[in-house]
């Protein structure tokens, strides 16, 4: 399974308990990623708390994870971790059906329950596919204006 890690420093922290965004298809995945970026960027308003990097990782089927909602992961001790291969197909399908409904609904903008994947064990660096700056993927008007001024 593919997942996205949003982080502030260049090297992504992929330790036990790290929160990632599961990706099944990119159409709904992009919407959920934008919701997560806006939710994380609103916390505190400091430049250091802003999401600056996005990392794509491949999670092996034998790695213990928990598919959850952001509000339910506040109590880490109550999460149940299982390898992706041992999770029931119906359980994964039900989670991703909710995930797709969440991405397409208007209520998701105000929702505090964002879909996420929590790691049960650390993930090694060999599972990282790429890391990019968020501005490269989504762009910002301020960056475009700055470039136009420097070109003039």
Protein backbone atom coordinates (compact mmCIF):
# COMPACT_ATOMS: atom_id res chain seq x y z
CA UNK A 1 0.00 0.00 0.00
CA UNK A 2 1.16 3.52 -0.73
CA UNK A 3 0.99 6.26 1.89
CA UNK A 4 1.93 9.92 2.19
CA UNK A 5 3.82 11.48 5.09
CA UNK A 6 3.50 15.25 5.61
CA UNK A 7 6.35 16.80 7.59
CA UNK A 8 8.26 20.02 8.37
CA UNK A 9 11.86 18.77 8.09
CA UNK A 10 13.53 17.29 5.03
CA UNK A 11 13.92 13.74 6.43
CA UNK A 12 10.53 12.20 7.23
CA UNK A 13 10.08 10.71 10.70
CA UNK A 14 8.81 7.16 10.13
CA UNK A 15 8.97 5.84 13.69
CA UNK A 16 6.40 3.78 15.57
CA UNK A 17 3.23 5.83 15.93
CA UNK A 18 3.88 8.02 12.88
CA UNK A 19 0.75 9.19 11.12
CA UNK A 20 0.50 8.79 7.35
CA UNK A 21 -2.24 9.26 4.76
CA UNK A 22 -3.19 6.00 3.01
CA UNK A 23 -3.48 6.24 -0.77
CA UNK A 24 -5.67 3.87 -2.76
CA UNK A 25 -6.21 6.10 -5.80
CA UNK A 26 -4.77 9.53 -6.51
CA UNK A 27 -8.06 11.23 -7.37
CA UNK A 28 -9.41 10.99 -3.82
CA UNK A 29 -5.93 10.91 -2.30
CA UNK A 30 -5.13 14.43 -3.52
CA UNK A 31 -8.30 15.78 -1.91
CA UNK A 32 -7.54 14.15 1.45
CA UNK A 33 -3.91 15.36 1.31
CA UNK A 34 -5.10 18.95 0.80
CA UNK A 35 -7.46 18.64 3.79
CA UNK A 36 -4.59 17.35 5.92
CA UNK A 37 -2.24 20.14 4.80
CA UNK A 38 -4.79 22.83 5.63
CA UNK A 39 -5.59 21.22 9.00
CA UNK A 40 -1.91 20.95 9.96
CA UNK A 41 -1.04 24.44 8.74
CA UNK A 42 -3.75 25.99 10.93
CA UNK A 43 -2.15 24.65 14.11
CA UNK A 44 -0.21 27.48 15.73
CA UNK A 45 0.48 29.58 12.65
CA UNK A 46 4.27 29.48 13.12
CA UNK A 47 6.45 28.96 10.08
CA UNK A 48 8.09 25.95 11.72
CA UNK A 49 4.74 24.16 12.11
CA UNK A 50 3.80 24.53 8.45
CA UNK A 51 3.93 21.43 6.26
CA UNK A 52 6.90 21.88 3.95
CA UNK A 53 7.61 18.38 2.64
CA UNK A 54 5.56 15.48 1.33
CA UNK A 55 6.98 11.94 1.15
CA UNK A 56 5.59 8.91 -0.66
CA UNK A 57 6.30 5.57 1.03
CA UNK A 58 5.50 1.97 0.13
CA UNK A 59 4.24 0.03 3.12
CA UNK A 60 4.92 -3.71 2.86
CA UNK A 61 2.06 -6.13 3.45
CA UNK A 62 3.85 -7.59 6.49
CA UNK A 63 4.22 -4.24 8.28
CA UNK A 64 1.87 -3.69 11.29
CA UNK A 65 -0.42 -0.68 10.79
CA UNK A 66 -3.74 0.67 11.99
CA UNK A 67 -6.26 2.30 9.66
CA UNK A 68 -7.97 4.97 11.74
CA UNK A 69 -9.47 8.43 11.94
CA UNK A 70 -7.40 11.31 13.30
CA UNK A 71 -9.72 11.88 16.27
CA UNK A 72 -9.46 8.22 17.32
CA UNK A 73 -5.64 8.13 17.39
CA UNK A 74 -5.29 10.56 20.30
CA UNK A 75 -5.20 7.52 22.60
CA UNK A 76 -2.35 5.54 21.08
CA UNK A 77 -2.61 2.66 23.59
CA UNK A 78 -6.08 1.64 22.33
CA UNK A 79 -5.08 1.20 18.68
CA UNK A 80 -4.94 -2.33 17.30
CA UNK A 81 -2.11 -2.97 14.86
CA UNK A 82 -2.10 -5.74 12.27
CA UNK A 83 -0.13 -6.45 9.11
CA UNK A 84 -1.92 -5.31 5.96
CA UNK A 85 -1.95 -8.90 4.67
CA UNK A 86 -3.87 -10.07 7.77
CA UNK A 87 -6.52 -7.36 7.63
CA UNK A 88 -9.80 -8.58 6.25
CA UNK A 89 -10.58 -7.41 2.73
CA UNK A 90 -14.03 -6.33 3.88
CA UNK A 91 -12.49 -4.22 6.66
CA UNK A 92 -10.16 -2.44 4.20
CA UNK A 93 -12.97 -1.99 1.67
CA UNK A 94 -15.27 -0.49 4.30
CA UNK A 95 -12.52 1.93 5.42
CA UNK A 96 -11.79 3.06 1.84
CA UNK A 97 -15.50 3.45 1.01
CA UNK A 98 -15.75 5.84 3.94
CA UNK A 99 -12.47 7.47 2.77
CA UNK A 100 -13.95 8.11 -0.71
CA UNK A 101 -17.22 9.47 0.72
CA UNK A 102 -15.19 11.74 3.01
CA UNK A 103 -13.13 13.11 0.12
CA UNK A 104 -16.20 13.92 -1.95
CA UNK A 105 -18.38 15.42 0.80
CA UNK A 106 -18.69 19.09 1.64
CA UNK A 107 -18.76 18.27 5.36
CA UNK A 108 -15.15 17.07 5.15
CA UNK A 109 -13.97 20.69 5.18
CA UNK A 110 -15.14 21.14 8.79
CA UNK A 111 -14.49 17.55 9.86
CA UNK A 112 -12.00 16.72 12.60
CA UNK A 113 -12.00 13.02 11.59
CA UNK A 114 -9.43 12.80 8.84
CA UNK A 115 -8.44 9.35 7.51
CA UNK A 116 -4.96 8.19 8.46
CA UNK A 117 -2.68 5.20 8.81
CA UNK A 118 -0.61 4.75 11.99
CA UNK A 119 2.63 2.75 11.93
CA UNK A 120 2.97 -0.04 14.51
CA UNK A 121 6.74 -0.36 13.97
CA UNK A 122 9.38 1.94 12.45
CA UNK A 123 9.58 1.98 8.67
CA UNK A 124 13.05 1.81 7.10
CA UNK A 125 14.41 4.34 4.60
CA UNK A 126 14.37 1.80 1.76
CA UNK A 127 10.56 2.11 1.65
CA UNK A 128 10.72 5.83 0.77
CA UNK A 129 9.88 6.43 -2.91
CA UNK A 130 10.42 10.21 -3.00
CA UNK A 131 10.34 13.41 -0.94
CA UNK A 132 9.31 16.74 -2.45
CA UNK A 133 8.51 20.24 -1.28
CA UNK A 134 4.77 20.83 -1.01
CA UNK A 135 5.07 24.02 -3.12
CA UNK A 136 6.39 21.99 -6.06
CA UNK A 137 3.29 19.82 -6.07
CA UNK A 138 0.60 22.35 -5.23
CA UNK A 139 2.27 25.69 -5.99
CA UNK A 140 1.61 29.01 -4.36
CA UNK A 141 0.67 32.35 -5.89
CA UNK A 142 3.25 34.15 -3.76
CA UNK A 143 6.02 31.99 -5.25
CA UNK A 144 4.83 32.77 -8.79
CA UNK A 145 4.73 36.52 -8.06
CA UNK A 146 8.24 36.39 -6.58
CA UNK A 147 9.59 34.59 -9.67
CA UNK A 148 7.96 37.12 -12.01
CA UNK A 149 9.50 40.02 -10.09
CA UNK A 150 12.97 38.45 -10.18
CA UNK A 151 12.70 37.81 -13.94
CA UNK A 152 11.79 41.47 -14.65
